[in-house]
Amino acid sequence: MKVEKSYQEQLFTELGASEAVKSRSMELLSAYLKEKPEDRARMDILNASALYISFILEDRPVSQNLVAGPLVSAPPP
């Protein structure tokens, strides 16, 4: 299942994600949505979760990559 690229890129940019984190996050999110396509409406939560996991896998402090305030809002379903 294809993930909304423009939304993803905006989120990655705001959080300062590296290319490795971007790639891993997209892999995790795509794999999850293949199994649970009905969860597409919860993209904001799914994106945050995939990024969090990807930052951990890259062994970087997650707090270093988060910005104050709300994350990018999800596109309309």
PDB file of N, CA and C in Angstrom:
ATOM      1  N   MET A   1       0.839  -1.179   0.000  1.00  0.00           N
ATOM      2  CA  MET A   1       0.000   0.000   0.000  1.00  0.00           C
ATOM      3  C   MET A   1       0.884   1.244   0.000  1.00  0.00           C
ATOM      4  N   LYS A   2       0.586   2.174  -0.858  1.00  0.00           N
ATOM      5  CA  LYS A   2       1.394   3.389  -0.980  1.00  0.00           C
ATOM      6  C   LYS A   2       1.045   4.372   0.133  1.00  0.00           C
ATOM      7  N   VAL A   3       2.057   4.972   0.702  1.00  0.00           N
ATOM      8  CA  VAL A   3       1.885   5.939   1.779  1.00  0.00           C
ATOM      9  C   VAL A   3       1.960   7.340   1.189  1.00  0.00           C
ATOM     10  N   GLU A   4       1.157   8.236   1.705  1.00  0.00           N
ATOM     11  CA  GLU A   4       1.115   9.629   1.248  1.00  0.00           C
ATOM     12  C   GLU A   4       2.488  10.280   1.412  1.00  0.00           C
ATOM     13  N   LYS A   5       3.184  10.508   0.299  1.00  0.00           N
ATOM     14  CA  LYS A   5       4.560  11.013   0.347  1.00  0.00           C
ATOM     15  C   LYS A   5       4.653  12.455   0.837  1.00  0.00           C
ATOM     16  N   SER A   6       3.806  13.355   0.357  1.00  0.00           N
ATOM     17  CA  SER A   6       3.949  14.754   0.738  1.00  0.00           C
ATOM     18  C   SER A   6       3.755  14.922   2.243  1.00  0.00           C
ATOM     19  N   TYR A   7       2.798  14.214   2.817  1.00  0.00           N
ATOM     20  CA  TYR A   7       2.575  14.267   4.257  1.00  0.00           C
ATOM     21  C   TYR A   7       3.791  13.726   4.993  1.00  0.00           C
ATOM     22  N   GLN A   8       4.304  12.594   4.517  1.00  0.00           N
ATOM     23  CA  GLN A   8       5.476  11.986   5.137  1.00  0.00           C
ATOM     24  C   GLN A   8       6.666  12.943   5.107  1.00  0.00           C
ATOM     25  N   GLU A   9       6.930  13.512   3.947  1.00  0.00           N
ATOM     26  CA  GLU A   9       8.082  14.402   3.814  1.00  0.00           C
ATOM     27  C   GLU A   9       7.974  15.614   4.727  1.00  0.00           C
ATOM     28  N   GLN A  10       6.771  16.150   4.884  1.00  0.00           N
ATOM     29  CA  GLN A  10       6.566  17.292   5.768  1.00  0.00           C
ATOM     30  C   GLN A  10       6.881  16.902   7.209  1.00  0.00           C
ATOM     31  N   LEU A  11       6.416  15.740   7.621  1.00  0.00           N
ATOM     32  CA  LEU A  11       6.667  15.270   8.976  1.00  0.00           C
ATOM     33  C   LEU A  11       8.157  15.014   9.196  1.00  0.00           C
ATOM     34  N   PHE A  12       8.810  14.344   8.244  1.00  0.00           N
ATOM     35  CA  PHE A  12      10.242  14.073   8.368  1.00  0.00           C
ATOM     36  C   PHE A  12      11.041  15.369   8.480  1.00  0.00           C
ATOM     37  N   THR A  13      10.693  16.342   7.676  1.00  0.00           N
ATOM     38  CA  THR A  13      11.402  17.620   7.684  1.00  0.00           C
ATOM     39  C   THR A  13      11.231  18.318   9.023  1.00  0.00           C
ATOM     40  N   GLU A  14      10.008  18.367   9.536  1.00  0.00           N
ATOM     41  CA  GLU A  14       9.751  19.040  10.811  1.00  0.00           C
ATOM     42  C   GLU A  14      10.492  18.378  11.967  1.00  0.00           C
ATOM     43  N   LEU A  15      10.685  17.076  11.898  1.00  0.00           N
ATOM     44  CA  LEU A  15      11.363  16.368  12.979  1.00  0.00           C
ATOM     45  C   LEU A  15      12.859  16.201  12.754  1.00  0.00           C
ATOM     46  N   GLY A  16      13.337  16.635  11.604  1.00  0.00           N
ATOM     47  CA  GLY A  16      14.761  16.528  11.315  1.00  0.00           C
ATOM     48  C   GLY A  16      15.246  15.101  11.195  1.00  0.00           C
ATOM     49  N   ALA A  17      14.449  14.245  10.601  1.00  0.00           N
ATOM     50  CA  ALA A  17      14.799  12.831  10.484  1.00  0.00           C
ATOM     51  C   ALA A  17      15.895  12.616   9.438  1.00  0.00           C
ATOM     52  N   SER A  18      16.818  11.726   9.746  1.00  0.00           N
ATOM     53  CA  SER A  18      17.881  11.370   8.801  1.00  0.00           C
ATOM     54  C   SER A  18      17.304  10.486   7.703  1.00  0.00           C
ATOM     55  N   GLU A  19      18.087  10.254   6.659  1.00  0.00           N
ATOM     56  CA  GLU A  19      17.635   9.385   5.557  1.00  0.00           C
ATOM     57  C   GLU A  19      17.377   7.958   6.051  1.00  0.00           C
ATOM     58  N   ALA A  20      18.204   7.490   6.979  1.00  0.00           N
ATOM     59  CA  ALA A  20      18.012   6.134   7.514  1.00  0.00           C
ATOM     60  C   ALA A  20      16.693   6.042   8.275  1.00  0.00           C
ATOM     61  N   VAL A  21      16.387   7.065   9.059  1.00  0.00           N
ATOM     62  CA  VAL A  21      15.134   7.075   9.806  1.00  0.00           C
ATOM     63  C   VAL A  21      13.953   7.171   8.843  1.00  0.00           C
ATOM     64  N   LYS A  22      14.070   8.014   7.833  1.00  0.00           N
ATOM     65  CA  LYS A  22      12.988   8.148   6.843  1.00  0.00           C
ATOM     66  C   LYS A  22      12.701   6.807   6.181  1.00  0.00           C
ATOM     67  N   SER A  23      13.743   6.154   5.747  1.00  0.00           N
ATOM     68  CA  SER A  23      13.591   4.881   5.048  1.00  0.00           C
ATOM     69  C   SER A  23      12.962   3.817   5.949  1.00  0.00           C
ATOM     70  N   ARG A  24      13.486   3.689   7.149  1.00  0.00           N
ATOM     71  CA  ARG A  24      12.981   2.672   8.087  1.00  0.00           C
ATOM     72  C   ARG A  24      11.539   2.973   8.481  1.00  0.00           C
ATOM     73  N   SER A  25      11.239   4.229   8.690  1.00  0.00           N
ATOM     74  CA  SER A  25       9.887   4.620   9.060  1.00  0.00           C
ATOM     75  C   SER A  25       8.888   4.275   7.954  1.00  0.00           C
ATOM     76  N   MET A  26       9.263   4.549   6.717  1.00  0.00           N
ATOM     77  CA  MET A  26       8.390   4.237   5.584  1.00  0.00           C
ATOM     78  C   MET A  26       8.184   2.721   5.465  1.00  0.00           C
ATOM     79  N   GLU A  27       9.243   1.952   5.692  1.00  0.00           N
ATOM     80  CA  GLU A  27       9.131   0.491   5.653  1.00  0.00           C
ATOM     81  C   GLU A  27       8.158  -0.011   6.720  1.00  0.00           C
ATOM     82  N   LEU A  28       8.313   0.497   7.945  1.00  0.00           N
ATOM     83  CA  LEU A  28       7.444   0.076   9.040  1.00  0.00           C
ATOM     84  C   LEU A  28       5.986   0.449   8.765  1.00  0.00           C
ATOM     85  N   LEU A  29       5.780   1.675   8.323  1.00  0.00           N
ATOM     86  CA  LEU A  29       4.426   2.149   8.073  1.00  0.00           C
ATOM     87  C   LEU A  29       3.766   1.395   6.924  1.00  0.00           C
ATOM     88  N   SER A  30       4.506   1.173   5.851  1.00  0.00           N
ATOM     89  CA  SER A  30       3.957   0.442   4.704  1.00  0.00           C
ATOM     90  C   SER A  30       3.601  -0.989   5.083  1.00  0.00           C
ATOM     91  N   ALA A  31       4.475  -1.632   5.839  1.00  0.00           N
ATOM     92  CA  ALA A  31       4.219  -3.008   6.264  1.00  0.00           C
ATOM     93  C   ALA A  31       2.980  -3.074   7.156  1.00  0.00           C
ATOM     94  N   TYR A  32       2.856  -2.116   8.054  1.00  0.00           N
ATOM     95  CA  TYR A  32       1.690  -2.104   8.940  1.00  0.00           C
ATOM     96  C   TYR A  32       0.404  -1.890   8.150  1.00  0.00           C
ATOM     97  N   LEU A  33       0.413  -0.938   7.218  1.00  0.00           N
ATOM     98  CA  LEU A  33      -0.804  -0.634   6.457  1.00  0.00           C
ATOM     99  C   LEU A  33      -1.204  -1.761   5.517  1.00  0.00           C
ATOM    100  N   LYS A  34      -0.260  -2.605   5.113  1.00  0.00           N
ATOM    101  CA  LYS A  34      -0.613  -3.786   4.313  1.00  0.00           C
ATOM    102  C   LYS A  34      -1.477  -4.737   5.136  1.00  0.00           C
ATOM    103  N   GLU A  35      -1.152  -4.839   6.421  1.00  0.00           N
ATOM    104  CA  GLU A  35      -1.879  -5.731   7.317  1.00  0.00           C
ATOM    105  C   GLU A  35      -3.174  -5.114   7.835  1.00  0.00           C
ATOM    106  N   LYS A  36      -3.175  -3.792   8.014  1.00  0.00           N
ATOM    107  CA  LYS A  36      -4.329  -3.111   8.617  1.00  0.00           C
ATOM    108  C   LYS A  36      -4.708  -1.861   7.819  1.00  0.00           C
ATOM    109  N   PRO A  37      -5.173  -2.021   6.589  1.00  0.00           N
ATOM    110  CA  PRO A  37      -5.495  -0.851   5.770  1.00  0.00           C
ATOM    111  C   PRO A  37      -6.598   0.025   6.370  1.00  0.00           C
ATOM    112  N   GLU A  38      -7.424  -0.549   7.226  1.00  0.00           N
ATOM    113  CA  GLU A  38      -8.491   0.224   7.849  1.00  0.00           C
ATOM    114  C   GLU A  38      -7.956   1.286   8.816  1.00  0.00           C
ATOM    115  N   ASP A  39      -6.711   1.163   9.238  1.00  0.00           N
ATOM    116  CA  ASP A  39      -6.108   2.125  10.163  1.00  0.00           C
ATOM    117  C   ASP A  39      -5.545   3.355   9.455  1.00  0.00           C
ATOM    118  N   ARG A  40      -5.715   3.462   8.160  1.00  0.00           N
ATOM    119  CA  ARG A  40      -5.201   4.598   7.400  1.00  0.00           C
ATOM    120  C   ARG A  40      -5.717   5.935   7.952  1.00  0.00           C
ATOM    121  N   ALA A  41      -6.895   5.938   8.539  1.00  0.00           N
ATOM    122  CA  ALA A  41      -7.472   7.163   9.096  1.00  0.00           C
ATOM    123  C   ALA A  41      -6.682   7.659  10.311  1.00  0.00           C
ATOM    124  N   ARG A  42      -5.860   6.804  10.879  1.00  0.00           N
ATOM    125  CA  ARG A  42      -5.064   7.187  12.058  1.00  0.00           C
ATOM    126  C   ARG A  42      -3.613   7.484  11.679  1.00  0.00           C
ATOM    127  N   MET A  43      -3.397   8.072  10.521  1.00  0.00           N
ATOM    128  CA  MET A  43      -2.042   8.287  10.016  1.00  0.00           C
ATOM    129  C   MET A  43      -1.176   9.129  10.949  1.00  0.00           C
ATOM    130  N   ASP A  44      -1.733  10.103  11.643  1.00  0.00           N
ATOM    131  CA  ASP A  44      -0.921  10.929  12.526  1.00  0.00           C
ATOM    132  C   ASP A  44      -0.290  10.090  13.632  1.00  0.00           C
ATOM    133  N   ILE A  45      -1.071   9.190  14.225  1.00  0.00           N
ATOM    134  CA  ILE A  45      -0.554   8.310  15.281  1.00  0.00           C
ATOM    135  C   ILE A  45       0.424   7.301  14.696  1.00  0.00           C
ATOM    136  N   LEU A  46       0.093   6.745  13.545  1.00  0.00           N
ATOM    137  CA  LEU A  46       0.963   5.750  12.919  1.00  0.00           C
ATOM    138  C   LEU A  46       2.306   6.360  12.525  1.00  0.00           C
ATOM    139  N   ASN A  47       2.292   7.563  11.970  1.00  0.00           N
ATOM    140  CA  ASN A  47       3.534   8.227  11.590  1.00  0.00           C
ATOM    141  C   ASN A  47       4.418   8.487  12.804  1.00  0.00           C
ATOM    142  N   ALA A  48       3.822   8.996  13.856  1.00  0.00           N
ATOM    143  CA  ALA A  48       4.584   9.276  15.069  1.00  0.00           C
ATOM    144  C   ALA A  48       5.189   7.989  15.628  1.00  0.00           C
ATOM    145  N   SER A  49       4.417   6.912  15.608  1.00  0.00           N
ATOM    146  CA  SER A  49       4.905   5.626  16.121  1.00  0.00           C
ATOM    147  C   SER A  49       6.048   5.083  15.270  1.00  0.00           C
ATOM    148  N   ALA A  50       5.885   5.130  13.954  1.00  0.00           N
ATOM    149  CA  ALA A  50       6.934   4.630  13.062  1.00  0.00           C
ATOM    150  C   ALA A  50       8.211   5.446  13.210  1.00  0.00           C
ATOM    151  N   LEU A  51       8.074   6.762  13.335  1.00  0.00           N
ATOM    152  CA  LEU A  51       9.250   7.604  13.511  1.00  0.00           C
ATOM    153  C   LEU A  51       9.931   7.326  14.851  1.00  0.00           C
ATOM    154  N   TYR A  52       9.148   7.181  15.892  1.00  0.00           N
ATOM    155  CA  TYR A  52       9.689   6.894  17.217  1.00  0.00           C
ATOM    156  C   TYR A  52      10.517   5.609  17.187  1.00  0.00           C
ATOM    157  N   ILE A  53       9.941   4.565  16.609  1.00  0.00           N
ATOM    158  CA  ILE A  53      10.645   3.285  16.498  1.00  0.00           C
ATOM    159  C   ILE A  53      11.912   3.443  15.666  1.00  0.00           C
ATOM    160  N   SER A  54      11.815   4.191  14.580  1.00  0.00           N
ATOM    161  CA  SER A  54      12.970   4.377  13.707  1.00  0.00           C
ATOM    162  C   SER A  54      14.082   5.144  14.399  1.00  0.00           C
ATOM    163  N   PHE A  55      13.733   6.159  15.194  1.00  0.00           N
ATOM    164  CA  PHE A  55      14.754   6.889  15.941  1.00  0.00           C
ATOM    165  C   PHE A  55      15.437   5.974  16.944  1.00  0.00           C
ATOM    166  N   ILE A  56      14.669   5.112  17.596  1.00  0.00           N
ATOM    167  CA  ILE A  56      15.245   4.167  18.559  1.00  0.00           C
ATOM    168  C   ILE A  56      16.205   3.217  17.846  1.00  0.00           C
ATOM    169  N   LEU A  57      15.793   2.714  16.682  1.00  0.00           N
ATOM    170  CA  LEU A  57      16.651   1.796  15.935  1.00  0.00           C
ATOM    171  C   LEU A  57      17.931   2.469  15.470  1.00  0.00           C
ATOM    172  N   GLU A  58      17.876   3.782  15.263  1.00  0.00           N
ATOM    173  CA  GLU A  58      19.070   4.518  14.853  1.00  0.00           C
ATOM    174  C   GLU A  58      19.930   4.870  16.061  1.00  0.00           C
ATOM    175  N   ASP A  59      19.413   4.569  17.271  1.00  0.00           N
ATOM    176  CA  ASP A  59      20.122   4.830  18.516  1.00  0.00           C
ATOM    177  C   ASP A  59      20.374   6.321  18.726  1.00  0.00           C
ATOM    178  N   ARG A  60      19.349   7.121  18.465  1.00  0.00           N
ATOM    179  CA  ARG A  60      19.412   8.550  18.741  1.00  0.00           C
ATOM    180  C   ARG A  60      18.362   8.880  19.790  1.00  0.00           C
ATOM    181  N   PRO A  61      18.651   9.822  20.684  1.00  0.00           N
ATOM    182  CA  PRO A  61      17.634  10.207  21.665  1.00  0.00           C
ATOM    183  C   PRO A  61      16.407  10.769  20.946  1.00  0.00           C
ATOM    184  N   VAL A  62      15.263  10.198  21.216  1.00  0.00           N
ATOM    185  CA  VAL A  62      14.030  10.625  20.547  1.00  0.00           C
ATOM    186  C   VAL A  62      13.717  12.078  20.880  1.00  0.00           C
ATOM    187  N   SER A  63      13.919  12.485  22.127  1.00  0.00           N
ATOM    188  CA  SER A  63      13.583  13.853  22.526  1.00  0.00           C
ATOM    189  C   SER A  63      14.367  14.882  21.714  1.00  0.00           C
ATOM    190  N   GLN A  64      15.526  14.519  21.242  1.00  0.00           N
ATOM    191  CA  GLN A  64      16.351  15.404  20.433  1.00  0.00           C
ATOM    192  C   GLN A  64      15.687  15.685  19.084  1.00  0.00           C
ATOM    193  N   ASN A  65      14.809  14.817  18.643  1.00  0.00           N
ATOM    194  CA  ASN A  65      14.216  14.934  17.327  1.00  0.00           C
ATOM    195  C   ASN A  65      12.778  15.454  17.344  1.00  0.00           C
ATOM    196  N   LEU A  66      12.212  15.643  18.503  1.00  0.00           N
ATOM    197  CA  LEU A  66      10.825  16.092  18.580  1.00  0.00           C
ATOM    198  C   LEU A  66      10.759  17.610  18.728  1.00  0.00           C
ATOM    199  N   VAL A  67       9.714  18.187  18.186  1.00  0.00           N
ATOM    200  CA  VAL A  67       9.525  19.632  18.270  1.00  0.00           C
ATOM    201  C   VAL A  67       8.387  19.920  19.238  1.00  0.00           C
ATOM    202  N   ALA A  68       8.406  21.111  19.830  1.00  0.00           N
ATOM    203  CA  ALA A  68       7.328  21.491  20.739  1.00  0.00           C
ATOM    204  C   ALA A  68       6.061  21.733  19.935  1.00  0.00           C
ATOM    205  N   GLY A  69       4.946  21.419  20.516  1.00  0.00           N
ATOM    206  CA  GLY A  69       3.676  21.645  19.838  1.00  0.00           C
ATOM    207  C   GLY A  69       3.199  20.393  19.138  1.00  0.00           C
ATOM    208  N   PRO A  70       2.056  20.486  18.502  1.00  0.00           N
ATOM    209  CA  PRO A  70       1.469  19.308  17.850  1.00  0.00           C
ATOM    210  C   PRO A  70       2.258  18.892  16.615  1.00  0.00           C
ATOM    211  N   LEU A  71       2.203  17.612  16.320  1.00  0.00           N
ATOM    212  CA  LEU A  71       2.805  17.118  15.091  1.00  0.00           C
ATOM    213  C   LEU A  71       1.962  17.570  13.911  1.00  0.00           C
ATOM    214  N   VAL A  72       2.463  17.376  12.738  1.00  0.00           N
ATOM    215  CA  VAL A  72       1.732  17.717  11.518  1.00  0.00           C
ATOM    216  C   VAL A  72       0.388  16.999  11.553  1.00  0.00           C
ATOM    217  N   SER A  73      -0.674  17.696  11.247  1.00  0.00           N
ATOM    218  CA  SER A  73      -1.981  17.036  11.272  1.00  0.00           C
ATOM    219  C   SER A  73      -2.145  16.141  10.053  1.00  0.00           C
ATOM    220  N   ALA A  74      -2.885  15.087  10.246  1.00  0.00           N
ATOM    221  CA  ALA A  74      -3.076  14.096   9.183  1.00  0.00           C
ATOM    222  C   ALA A  74      -3.932  14.668   8.062  1.00  0.00           C
ATOM    223  N   PRO A  75      -3.676  14.209   6.845  1.00  0.00           N
ATOM    224  CA  PRO A  75      -4.523  14.642   5.730  1.00  0.00           C
ATOM    225  C   PRO A  75      -5.926  14.078   5.912  1.00  0.00           C
ATOM    226  N   PRO A  76      -6.927  14.724   5.347  1.00  0.00           N
ATOM    227  CA  PRO A  76      -8.288  14.209   5.498  1.00  0.00           C
ATOM    228  C   PRO A  76      -8.410  12.804   4.919  1.00  0.00           C
ATOM    229  N   PRO A  77      -9.230  11.948   5.548  1.00  0.00           N
ATOM    230  CA  PRO A  77      -9.383  10.562   5.062  1.00  0.00           C
ATOM    231  C   PRO A  77     -10.038  10.504   3.693  1.00  0.00           C
TER     232      PRO A  77
END
